[in-house]
Protein backbone atom coordinates (compact mmCIF):
# COMPACT_ATOMS: atom_id res chain seq x y z
CA UNK A 1 218.19 -10.90 -156.80
CA UNK A 2 218.66 -13.65 -154.24
CA UNK A 3 221.48 -11.67 -152.72
CA UNK A 4 219.29 -8.54 -152.29
CA UNK A 5 216.52 -10.54 -150.65
CA UNK A 6 219.03 -12.12 -148.36
CA UNK A 7 220.38 -8.66 -147.42
CA UNK A 8 216.86 -7.27 -146.75
CA UNK A 9 216.08 -10.24 -144.54
CA UNK A 10 219.31 -9.64 -142.69
CA UNK A 11 218.43 -6.02 -142.13
CA UNK A 12 214.95 -6.90 -140.91
CA UNK A 13 216.39 -9.36 -138.40
CA UNK A 14 218.83 -6.72 -137.25
CA UNK A 15 216.05 -4.23 -136.70
CA UNK A 16 214.15 -6.74 -134.55
CA UNK A 17 217.26 -7.33 -132.46
CA UNK A 18 217.85 -3.58 -132.16
CA UNK A 19 214.25 -3.07 -131.02
CA UNK A 20 214.80 -5.57 -128.28
CA UNK A 21 217.95 -3.72 -127.30
CA UNK A 22 216.03 -0.46 -127.10
CA UNK A 23 213.66 -2.10 -124.65
CA UNK A 24 216.69 -3.17 -122.59
CA UNK A 25 218.81 -0.01 -122.78
CA UNK A 26 216.12 2.74 -123.17
CA UNK A 27 215.91 5.56 -125.70
CA UNK A 28 219.02 7.41 -126.71
CA UNK A 29 218.86 11.18 -127.37
CA UNK A 30 215.86 13.22 -128.39
CA UNK A 31 214.25 14.44 -131.58
CA UNK A 32 215.83 17.67 -132.90
CA UNK A 33 213.70 20.01 -134.93
CA UNK A 34 216.03 22.23 -136.94
CA UNK A 35 216.80 20.98 -140.48
CA UNK A 36 219.90 22.20 -142.35
CA UNK A 37 219.00 23.15 -145.88
CA UNK A 38 221.78 20.93 -147.47
CA UNK A 39 220.65 17.63 -145.81
CA UNK A 40 218.12 15.03 -146.99
CA UNK A 41 215.70 12.71 -145.19
CA UNK A 42 217.38 9.58 -143.84
CA UNK A 43 220.93 11.00 -144.01
CA UNK A 44 221.85 9.99 -140.44
CA UNK A 45 225.56 10.72 -140.80
CA UNK A 46 225.06 14.02 -142.62
CA UNK A 47 227.30 13.25 -145.60
CA UNK A 48 224.74 14.37 -148.17
CA UNK A 49 223.78 10.92 -149.50
CA UNK A 50 221.85 7.83 -148.40
CA UNK A 51 223.85 4.65 -147.80
CA UNK A 52 223.94 1.48 -145.71
CA UNK A 53 226.01 3.40 -143.19
CA UNK A 54 222.98 5.64 -142.50
CA UNK A 55 220.93 2.54 -141.68
CA UNK A 56 223.69 1.22 -139.41
CA UNK A 57 223.93 4.63 -137.66
CA UNK A 58 220.19 4.68 -137.09
CA UNK A 59 220.19 1.11 -135.82
CA UNK A 60 222.97 1.88 -133.37
CA UNK A 61 221.11 4.96 -132.14
CA UNK A 62 217.97 2.91 -131.57
CA UNK A 63 220.06 0.28 -129.81
CA UNK A 64 221.25 2.91 -127.33
CA UNK A 65 224.72 3.48 -128.69
CA UNK A 66 226.34 6.84 -128.12
CA UNK A 67 226.45 7.94 -131.73
CA UNK A 68 226.29 11.34 -133.40
CA UNK A 69 223.38 11.54 -135.75
CA UNK A 70 220.98 14.06 -137.25
CA UNK A 71 217.73 12.99 -135.62
CA UNK A 72 215.84 15.76 -137.39
CA UNK A 73 216.38 13.87 -140.68
CA UNK A 74 215.33 10.42 -139.40
CA UNK A 75 211.63 10.91 -138.58
CA UNK A 76 210.69 9.41 -141.95
CA UNK A 77 207.03 8.76 -141.13
CA UNK A 78 206.56 12.26 -139.61
CA UNK A 79 205.10 10.96 -136.34
CA UNK A 80 207.44 13.26 -134.38
CA UNK A 81 209.41 10.28 -133.04
CA UNK A 82 212.46 8.32 -134.34
CA UNK A 83 211.52 4.65 -133.96
CA UNK A 84 212.01 1.14 -135.33
CA UNK A 85 209.56 1.87 -138.09
CA UNK A 86 211.79 4.69 -139.34
CA UNK A 87 214.68 2.20 -139.44
CA UNK A 88 212.55 -0.34 -141.36
CA UNK A 89 211.51 2.38 -143.86
CA UNK A 90 215.14 3.40 -144.39
CA UNK A 91 216.28 -0.25 -144.80
CA UNK A 92 213.56 -0.98 -147.31
CA UNK A 93 214.43 2.13 -149.26
CA UNK A 94 218.10 1.13 -149.42
CA UNK A 95 217.01 -2.39 -150.49
CA UNK A 96 215.17 -0.87 -153.45
CA UNK A 97 211.65 -0.89 -152.15
CA UNK A 98 209.27 1.83 -153.31
CA UNK A 99 209.21 3.74 -150.05
CA UNK A 100 208.13 7.41 -149.74
CA UNK A 101 209.49 9.41 -146.89
CA UNK A 102 207.37 12.12 -145.35
CA UNK A 103 208.45 15.58 -146.55
CA UNK A 104 210.94 17.32 -144.32
CA UNK A 105 209.46 20.20 -142.37
CA UNK A 106 210.85 23.71 -142.88
CA UNK A 107 212.74 25.47 -140.12
CA UNK A 108 209.66 27.48 -139.28
CA UNK A 109 207.49 24.37 -139.10
CA UNK A 110 209.94 22.43 -137.01
CA UNK A 111 210.93 25.19 -134.61
CA UNK A 112 209.82 24.68 -131.08
CA UNK A 113 206.65 26.75 -130.54
CA UNK A 114 207.10 29.94 -128.55
CA UNK A 115 205.45 29.42 -125.25
CA UNK A 116 202.45 31.68 -124.62
CA UNK A 117 203.31 34.42 -122.15
CA UNK A 118 201.63 34.20 -118.84
CA UNK A 119 198.81 36.78 -118.83
CA UNK A 120 199.61 39.80 -116.64
CA UNK A 121 197.44 40.16 -113.60
CA UNK A 122 197.28 43.93 -114.03
CA UNK A 123 197.73 46.18 -111.05
CA UNK A 124 197.07 49.79 -112.02
CA UNK A 125 198.44 52.87 -110.33
CA UNK A 126 196.62 56.11 -109.55
CA UNK A 127 194.49 57.82 -112.20
CA UNK A 128 196.32 60.74 -113.83
CA UNK A 129 194.74 63.49 -115.95
CA UNK A 130 195.83 63.26 -119.58
CA UNK A 131 193.25 65.72 -120.97
CA UNK A 132 191.79 68.21 -118.52
CA UNK A 133 188.02 68.67 -118.74
CA UNK A 134 186.63 72.12 -119.47
CA UNK A 135 183.29 73.65 -118.71
CA UNK A 136 181.81 72.28 -121.94
CA UNK A 137 184.14 69.44 -123.04
CA UNK A 138 184.88 66.11 -121.36
CA UNK A 139 188.45 65.25 -120.36
CA UNK A 140 190.36 61.98 -119.97
CA UNK A 141 192.30 60.15 -117.26
CA UNK A 142 194.76 57.28 -117.64
CA UNK A 143 196.22 54.64 -115.34
CA UNK A 144 199.33 52.48 -115.98
CA UNK A 145 199.93 48.86 -114.89
CA UNK A 146 202.88 48.70 -112.49
CA UNK A 147 203.95 45.32 -114.00
CA UNK A 148 203.60 45.63 -117.78
CA UNK A 149 202.93 49.36 -118.39
CA UNK A 150 199.60 48.65 -120.06
CA UNK A 151 197.42 51.78 -120.09
CA UNK A 152 193.71 52.17 -119.58
CA UNK A 153 191.68 55.37 -119.94
CA UNK A 154 188.38 56.73 -118.75
CA UNK A 155 186.34 59.79 -119.61
CA UNK A 156 186.09 62.65 -117.15
CA UNK A 157 182.80 64.58 -117.45
CA UNK A 158 182.81 68.28 -118.37
CA UNK A 159 182.85 70.43 -115.26
CA UNK A 160 179.98 72.70 -116.26
CA UNK A 161 179.99 76.46 -115.77
CA UNK A 162 180.34 78.00 -112.32
CA UNK A 163 178.53 81.31 -112.66
CA UNK A 164 178.90 84.13 -110.15
CA UNK A 165 177.17 87.48 -110.15
CA UNK A 166 179.35 90.22 -111.66
CA UNK A 167 176.97 93.13 -111.86
CA UNK A 168 173.28 93.88 -111.78
CA UNK A 169 171.39 97.04 -112.48
CA UNK A 170 167.82 98.17 -112.01
CA UNK A 171 166.19 99.65 -115.08
CA UNK A 172 165.88 103.42 -115.16
CA UNK A 173 165.37 106.07 -117.79
CA UNK A 174 169.14 106.16 -118.20
CA UNK A 175 169.92 102.41 -118.16
CA UNK A 176 168.46 99.06 -119.07
CA UNK A 177 168.02 96.60 -116.20
CA UNK A 178 169.90 93.30 -116.19
CA UNK A 179 171.90 90.77 -114.20
CA UNK A 180 175.35 89.80 -115.52
CA UNK A 181 176.87 86.48 -114.42
CA UNK A 182 180.27 85.11 -115.44
CA UNK A 183 181.86 81.68 -115.10
CA UNK A 184 184.85 81.66 -112.77
CA UNK A 185 186.56 78.97 -114.86
CA UNK A 186 186.23 80.11 -118.47
CA UNK A 187 184.82 83.68 -118.34
CA UNK A 188 181.72 82.64 -120.26
CA UNK A 189 178.97 85.10 -119.36
CA UNK A 190 175.21 85.25 -119.47
CA UNK A 191 172.79 88.13 -119.09
CA UNK A 192 169.48 87.59 -117.35
CA UNK A 193 166.51 89.60 -116.10
CA UNK A 194 166.73 92.16 -118.89
CA UNK A 195 164.32 95.08 -118.54
CA UNK A 196 164.60 97.64 -121.34
CA UNK A 197 164.63 101.27 -120.22
CA UNK A 198 162.08 102.14 -122.88
CA UNK A 199 159.57 99.78 -121.23
CA UNK A 200 159.38 101.93 -118.11
CA UNK A 201 156.22 103.91 -117.56
CA UNK A 202 156.79 107.57 -118.26
CA UNK A 203 159.93 107.07 -120.39
CA UNK A 204 158.38 109.01 -123.28
CA UNK A 205 156.09 111.22 -121.16
CA UNK A 206 156.59 114.91 -121.74
CA UNK A 207 158.52 114.31 -124.94
CA UNK A 208 159.13 117.83 -126.14
CA UNK A 209 159.61 119.16 -129.69
CA UNK A 210 163.14 119.34 -130.94
CA UNK A 211 164.88 122.56 -129.88
CA UNK A 212 168.23 123.30 -131.49
CA UNK A 213 170.86 124.80 -129.23
CA UNK A 214 174.35 125.57 -130.45
CA UNK A 215 175.47 122.73 -132.75
CA UNK A 216 172.92 120.22 -131.55
CA UNK A 217 169.86 119.58 -129.43
CA UNK A 218 168.88 118.03 -126.13
CA UNK A 219 167.18 114.69 -126.20
CA UNK A 220 165.25 112.96 -123.45
CA UNK A 221 166.76 112.45 -120.01
CA UNK A 222 169.77 114.75 -120.58
CA UNK A 223 171.16 112.98 -123.64
CA UNK A 224 172.74 115.49 -126.06
CA UNK A 225 172.96 115.06 -129.85
CA UNK A 226 174.91 116.69 -132.69
CA UNK A 227 173.37 118.23 -135.81
CA UNK A 228 176.52 119.09 -137.75
CA UNK A 229 177.54 117.40 -141.01
CA UNK A 230 173.95 116.50 -141.86
CA UNK A 231 173.69 114.03 -138.97
CA UNK A 232 169.87 114.12 -138.81
CA UNK A 233 169.61 113.16 -142.49
CA UNK A 234 171.53 109.96 -141.72
CA UNK A 235 169.14 109.21 -138.85
CA UNK A 236 165.97 109.92 -140.82
CA UNK A 237 167.10 108.04 -143.93
CA UNK A 238 167.05 111.16 -146.11
CA UNK A 239 170.46 110.78 -147.80
CA UNK A 240 170.43 107.25 -149.19
CA UNK A 241 172.70 106.96 -152.24
CA UNK A 242 171.89 105.60 -155.67
CA UNK A 243 173.11 102.20 -156.87
CA UNK A 244 175.65 103.97 -159.11
CA UNK A 245 177.07 105.89 -156.13
CA UNK A 246 177.24 102.74 -154.01
CA UNK A 247 179.08 101.02 -156.86
CA UNK A 248 181.60 103.84 -157.00
CA UNK A 249 182.20 103.47 -153.24
CA UNK A 250 182.60 99.72 -153.54
CA UNK A 251 185.03 100.05 -156.46
CA UNK A 252 187.16 102.55 -154.55
CA UNK A 253 187.34 100.36 -151.47
CA UNK A 254 188.05 97.31 -153.64
CA UNK A 255 190.98 99.05 -155.33
CA UNK A 256 192.69 99.55 -151.96
CA UNK A 257 191.72 96.03 -150.88
CA UNK A 258 193.39 94.59 -153.99
CA UNK A 259 196.60 96.62 -153.60
CA UNK A 260 196.93 95.47 -149.99
CA UNK A 261 196.12 91.88 -150.91
CA UNK A 262 199.02 91.83 -153.41
CA UNK A 263 201.32 92.54 -150.47
CA UNK A 264 199.67 90.15 -148.02
CA UNK A 265 198.27 93.07 -145.99
CA UNK A 266 194.72 92.84 -144.64
CA UNK A 267 192.65 96.01 -144.86
CA UNK A 268 189.36 96.64 -143.03
CA UNK A 269 186.97 99.57 -143.37
CA UNK A 270 185.12 100.72 -140.24
CA UNK A 271 182.24 103.20 -140.01
CA UNK A 272 181.34 104.34 -136.47
CA UNK A 273 177.55 104.86 -136.26
CA UNK A 274 176.43 108.34 -135.34
CA UNK A 275 175.38 108.47 -131.69
CA UNK A 276 171.68 108.96 -132.45
CA UNK A 277 171.61 105.71 -134.48
CA UNK A 278 172.41 103.79 -131.27
CA UNK A 279 170.32 105.94 -128.91
CA UNK A 280 167.28 106.74 -131.03
CA UNK A 281 165.01 106.23 -128.02
CA UNK A 282 166.22 109.56 -126.61
CA UNK A 283 165.33 111.60 -129.69
CA UNK A 284 162.73 114.35 -129.08
CA UNK A 285 159.42 114.58 -130.93
CA UNK A 286 159.59 116.05 -134.40
CA UNK A 287 162.37 113.71 -135.46
CA UNK A 288 161.29 111.12 -138.02
CA UNK A 289 161.93 107.55 -136.88
CA UNK A 290 162.63 105.08 -139.71
CA UNK A 291 163.77 101.49 -139.75
CA UNK A 292 167.55 101.06 -139.72
CA UNK A 293 167.45 99.04 -142.92
CA UNK A 294 166.23 102.13 -144.81
CA UNK A 295 169.23 104.27 -143.93
CA UNK A 296 172.38 105.08 -145.90
CA UNK A 297 174.98 102.86 -144.27
CA UNK A 298 172.81 99.75 -143.76
CA UNK A 299 171.80 100.00 -147.41
CA UNK A 300 175.46 100.12 -148.46
CA UNK A 301 176.20 97.06 -146.31
CA UNK A 302 173.32 95.25 -148.03
CA UNK A 303 174.61 96.36 -151.44
CA UNK A 304 178.03 94.86 -150.69
CA UNK A 305 176.36 91.56 -149.75
CA UNK A 306 174.34 91.53 -152.96
CA UNK A 307 177.48 92.15 -154.99
CA UNK A 308 179.32 89.42 -153.04
CA UNK A 309 182.09 91.88 -152.32
CA UNK A 310 185.22 90.49 -150.66
CA UNK A 311 186.12 93.67 -148.78
CA UNK A 312 186.07 93.70 -144.95
CA UNK A 313 183.47 96.35 -144.17
CA UNK A 314 182.25 96.96 -140.60
CA UNK A 315 179.25 99.00 -139.46
CA UNK A 316 178.71 97.73 -135.87
CA UNK A 317 175.29 99.24 -135.17
CA UNK A 318 173.56 96.10 -133.91
CA UNK A 319 176.53 95.10 -131.73
CA UNK A 320 176.64 98.55 -130.08
CA UNK A 321 172.92 98.41 -129.38
CA UNK A 322 173.30 94.99 -127.78
CA UNK A 323 176.31 96.02 -125.69
CA UNK A 324 174.49 99.05 -124.25
CA UNK A 325 172.17 96.71 -122.36
CA UNK A 326 175.09 96.20 -119.98
CA UNK A 327 177.16 99.37 -120.40
CA UNK A 328 176.50 102.59 -122.27
CA UNK A 329 178.53 102.69 -125.48
CA UNK A 330 178.52 106.47 -126.12
CA UNK A 331 179.17 109.47 -123.92
CA UNK A 332 175.98 111.15 -122.76
CA UNK A 333 177.08 114.75 -123.45
CA UNK A 334 179.64 114.10 -126.19
CA UNK A 335 179.51 113.05 -129.84
CA UNK A 336 181.91 110.12 -129.38
CA UNK A 337 181.66 106.56 -128.24
CA UNK A 338 183.30 105.66 -124.94
CA UNK A 339 185.78 102.91 -124.07
CA UNK A 340 183.06 100.26 -124.32
CA UNK A 341 182.00 101.45 -127.77
CA UNK A 342 185.61 101.51 -128.96
CA UNK A 343 186.14 97.97 -127.65
CA UNK A 344 183.00 96.61 -129.32
CA UNK A 345 184.05 98.20 -132.63
CA UNK A 346 187.59 96.80 -132.36
CA UNK A 347 186.22 93.30 -131.80
CA UNK A 348 183.99 93.64 -134.86
CA UNK A 349 187.03 94.57 -136.94
CA UNK A 350 188.75 91.46 -135.57
CA UNK A 351 185.73 89.36 -136.47
CA UNK A 352 185.62 90.70 -140.03
CA UNK A 353 189.25 89.67 -140.69
CA UNK A 354 189.06 86.31 -138.94
CA UNK A 355 190.79 87.18 -135.65
CA UNK A 356 189.75 85.84 -132.25
CA UNK A 357 187.29 88.13 -130.46
CA UNK A 358 186.19 88.73 -126.87
CA UNK A 359 182.70 89.80 -125.84
CA UNK A 360 182.22 92.86 -123.66
CA UNK A 361 180.46 90.63 -121.11
CA UNK A 362 183.65 88.54 -120.79
CA UNK A 363 186.00 91.36 -119.71
CA UNK A 364 186.19 93.46 -116.58
CA UNK A 365 184.83 96.98 -116.88
CA UNK A 366 185.54 99.70 -114.33
CA UNK A 367 182.78 102.21 -113.63
CA UNK A 368 183.57 105.86 -113.13
CA UNK A 369 182.01 109.26 -113.72
CA UNK A 370 182.45 112.04 -116.22
CA UNK A 371 180.89 115.44 -116.74
CA UNK A 372 180.34 117.37 -119.94
CA UNK A 373 181.87 116.73 -123.34
CA UNK A 374 182.25 118.35 -126.74
CA UNK A 375 178.50 118.90 -127.05
CA UNK A 376 178.60 121.05 -123.92
CA UNK A 377 181.45 123.01 -125.50
CA UNK A 378 179.32 123.37 -128.66
CA UNK A 379 176.55 124.99 -126.59
CA UNK A 380 173.97 122.20 -126.60
CA UNK A 381 173.36 122.16 -122.83
CA UNK A 382 174.86 122.45 -119.36
CA UNK A 383 177.50 120.16 -117.99
CA UNK A 384 176.25 117.42 -115.69
CA UNK A 385 177.79 114.28 -114.25
CA UNK A 386 177.10 110.84 -115.76
CA UNK A 387 178.51 107.33 -115.71
CA UNK A 388 181.60 106.48 -117.71
CA UNK A 389 183.47 103.20 -118.19
CA UNK A 390 186.96 101.82 -118.69
CA UNK A 391 187.46 98.41 -120.33
CA UNK A 392 190.28 96.33 -118.83
CA UNK A 393 191.26 94.20 -121.82
CA UNK A 394 194.25 91.86 -121.40
CA UNK A 395 195.75 93.77 -118.44
CA UNK A 396 198.76 91.44 -118.39
CA UNK A 397 200.09 93.01 -121.61
CA UNK A 398 202.10 96.22 -121.10
CA UNK A 399 201.71 99.05 -123.61
CA UNK A 400 204.04 102.01 -124.15
CA UNK A 401 203.01 105.11 -126.10
CA UNK A 402 205.01 107.61 -128.14
CA UNK A 403 203.24 110.85 -129.06
CA UNK A 404 204.19 112.94 -132.10
CA UNK A 405 203.42 116.49 -133.22
CA UNK A 406 200.81 116.34 -135.96
CA UNK A 407 198.53 118.12 -138.41
CA UNK A 408 196.56 119.99 -135.71
CA UNK A 409 199.64 121.28 -133.87
CA UNK A 410 202.16 123.90 -134.69
CA UNK A 411 205.47 122.13 -135.08
CA UNK A 412 206.75 124.12 -132.10
CA UNK A 413 203.99 122.81 -129.85
CA UNK A 414 204.05 119.67 -127.72
CA UNK A 415 202.79 116.41 -129.24
CA UNK A 416 199.22 115.30 -128.42
CA UNK A 417 196.90 112.33 -128.82
CA UNK A 418 196.23 112.85 -132.52
CA UNK A 419 199.34 110.94 -133.69
CA UNK A 420 200.53 108.04 -131.53
CA UNK A 421 202.53 104.84 -131.84
CA UNK A 422 201.86 102.04 -129.34
CA UNK A 423 204.34 99.27 -128.68
CA UNK A 424 203.60 96.27 -126.49
CA UNK A 425 204.90 92.91 -125.35
CA UNK A 426 202.09 91.08 -127.18
CA UNK A 427 203.39 87.70 -128.36
CA UNK A 428 203.25 88.51 -132.06
CA UNK A 429 205.29 90.22 -134.76
CA UNK A 430 202.23 91.63 -136.50
CA UNK A 431 201.70 95.38 -136.76
CA UNK A 432 198.60 97.51 -137.33
CA UNK A 433 197.97 100.98 -138.71
CA UNK A 434 194.66 102.67 -137.86
CA UNK A 435 193.79 105.79 -139.83
CA UNK A 436 190.65 107.84 -139.27
CA UNK A 437 189.01 110.59 -137.30
CA UNK A 438 188.78 111.13 -133.54
CA UNK A 439 186.71 107.96 -132.97
CA UNK A 440 189.92 105.95 -133.48
CA UNK A 441 191.30 107.21 -130.15
CA UNK A 442 189.05 104.92 -128.07
CA UNK A 443 190.35 101.83 -129.93
CA UNK A 444 194.12 102.19 -130.04
CA UNK A 445 195.08 100.53 -126.77
CA UNK A 446 192.87 97.51 -127.53
CA UNK A 447 194.66 96.87 -130.82
CA UNK A 448 197.98 97.31 -128.98
CA UNK A 449 197.14 94.26 -126.84
CA UNK A 450 197.03 92.07 -129.96
CA UNK A 451 199.71 93.68 -132.16
CA UNK A 452 203.31 94.46 -131.22
CA UNK A 453 203.11 97.91 -132.80
CA UNK A 454 200.10 100.09 -133.62
CA UNK A 455 200.20 103.46 -135.36
CA UNK A 456 197.14 105.59 -134.65
CA UNK A 457 196.83 108.55 -137.03
CA UNK A 458 194.41 111.00 -138.57
CA UNK A 459 194.00 110.76 -142.33
CA UNK A 460 195.37 114.32 -142.61
CA UNK A 461 198.71 113.17 -141.20
CA UNK A 462 199.76 111.30 -144.35
CA UNK A 463 202.05 114.19 -145.37
CA UNK A 464 202.95 115.38 -141.85
CA UNK A 465 206.61 115.55 -140.88
CA UNK A 466 206.64 115.45 -137.08
CA UNK A 467 209.21 117.73 -135.48
CA UNK A 468 208.68 116.56 -131.90
CA UNK A 469 207.93 113.39 -130.00
CA UNK A 470 207.28 112.43 -126.41
CA UNK A 471 207.18 109.01 -124.76
CA UNK A 472 204.49 108.65 -122.08
CA UNK A 473 205.68 110.89 -119.19
CA UNK A 474 209.10 111.55 -120.70
CA UNK A 475 210.45 114.86 -122.00
CA UNK A 476 209.67 116.31 -125.42
CA UNK A 477 212.39 115.40 -127.93
CA UNK A 478 213.29 116.70 -131.37
CA UNK A 479 212.65 114.42 -134.34
CA UNK A 480 212.02 114.58 -138.06
CA UNK A 481 209.79 111.73 -139.03
CA UNK A 482 206.95 111.04 -141.46
CA UNK A 483 205.26 108.79 -138.92
CA UNK A 484 202.20 107.66 -140.89
CA UNK A 485 203.99 107.18 -144.21
CA UNK A 486 206.76 105.22 -142.51
CA UNK A 487 204.21 102.99 -140.82
CA UNK A 488 202.41 102.29 -144.12
CA UNK A 489 205.69 101.68 -145.96
CA UNK A 490 206.74 99.14 -143.32
CA UNK A 491 203.55 97.07 -143.39
CA UNK A 492 204.32 93.45 -144.26
CA UNK A 493 202.41 90.31 -145.05
CA UNK A 494 200.08 89.48 -142.16
CA UNK A 495 199.82 93.07 -140.91
CA UNK A 496 196.56 95.00 -140.61
CA UNK A 497 195.46 98.34 -142.03
CA UNK A 498 192.20 99.92 -140.77
CA UNK A 499 190.51 102.93 -142.39
CA UNK A 500 187.72 104.36 -140.27
CA UNK A 501 185.41 107.34 -140.01
CA UNK A 502 182.31 108.30 -138.09
CA UNK A 503 179.15 107.83 -140.14
CA UNK A 504 178.68 111.53 -140.92
CA UNK A 505 182.15 111.50 -142.52
CA UNK A 506 181.63 108.28 -144.50
CA UNK A 507 182.38 109.93 -147.84
CA UNK A 508 185.73 111.16 -146.50
CA UNK A 509 186.64 107.56 -145.75
CA UNK A 510 185.93 106.61 -149.37
CA UNK A 511 187.97 109.53 -150.72
CA UNK A 512 190.95 108.68 -148.51
CA UNK A 513 190.71 105.02 -149.55
CA UNK A 514 191.21 106.17 -153.14
CA UNK A 515 194.20 108.32 -152.17
CA UNK A 516 195.77 105.50 -150.20
CA UNK A 517 195.20 102.97 -153.00
CA UNK A 518 197.24 105.16 -155.35
CA UNK A 519 199.96 105.64 -152.74
CA UNK A 520 200.31 101.93 -151.96
CA UNK A 521 200.18 100.98 -155.66
CA UNK A 522 203.33 103.08 -156.15
CA UNK A 523 205.20 101.19 -153.43
CA UNK A 524 207.44 98.27 -154.50
CA UNK A 525 206.08 94.80 -153.90
CA UNK A 526 207.92 92.92 -151.14
């Protein structure tokens, strides 16, 4: 015991002497911060154990000797400095005193702190458009710091519409008055200053009794109308069907809808309103005027809604009436709709099947003239000149046409417009088949701008084997082709089938839907 006390006193004296030496010679080395996992506190020589030699090594270090030591293990009081007190603590520990060393820090705790980066004094370049603004939606600009590439953004306000006058017309007995303006940036259009033709003084003056001539009669202001196929009964609401008959129609259409749906084909049914439904204001006296909702086709449309039918059924009466404010939609001395009417109907088919549509006010329409029509041929009245229109829809898409001999031609005659196949450079692989009566002819080229191939056929051509074909202005060539059947057989998932008829032939459309449902049901599923 006396020996241990003597040794501790010796060590204490040595530490005092060493401290004096430190004052004379200065500090030696610096405090390291990384701690090897295998070493322990106080192990100055790094041999894995504590001994008197560790105390001697520490004393020599503090005295200014050039010794190798692990300073990171010698800060025993954790004051971030190796000093005489650390040497005293180590000596007392080795002498058997109850001395507790401060815990060693981990590598993460002892690592030198990462200096904070100097904040960048940003210097941003020019604003660049990242999202262009539109007429109705805001855009965005960004700028990038030339030093650190930090980005900042700012909102660019919507540009707003830039409307210019496209066309205006003064109201007359033949036309509604309006002013059409269209945005130069997005083609959005608005119609202002509407004056309905029927509001003009004298529009109905001198309204004469109905006088039948040939297959029709003359209406007011040289508008001619057809009386064949019970047309007046449709107008006067005299041939509304029973609920049982409407159900039979719906079931027939649904059968074709289901067969097409199995194959991924979309089918739409289109009924072109009779001309007098759209231009009832020109009807002479003696013709009963009833509300549209009380007529045969509108009642069938309402029936389908009540039954929550899933079929795509289109009767575009209201859309044709709206469009005629700007452009007439039917030919004045003919039973058919014109290019505008065909375009409006095509867009309503698109709408019914979920395709993107374009309003008639958003496309360019060329005005021209025409005289006569099939009602002149049918003896209704004399031929006179009136305004006609041509719709310029997607002029950037080129369309080629192949004509085939068909059900109305002798197989030795040249092909005509009744059976045609359009091909185009539209950016799609989808095809369409449009089957119906002569009203289909005003729609074909519009469909060809949105489908790569469109077959335009009369329902009576299902069994026709065409013996001749002709491409646009090319020569007549021999062929042997069931054009309509081939087109139906080749329809694939995503393609479109349209069955259409003018209103006075609506029952024929139902009957053909039944025939086609049976034909398609017999085809193999893809």
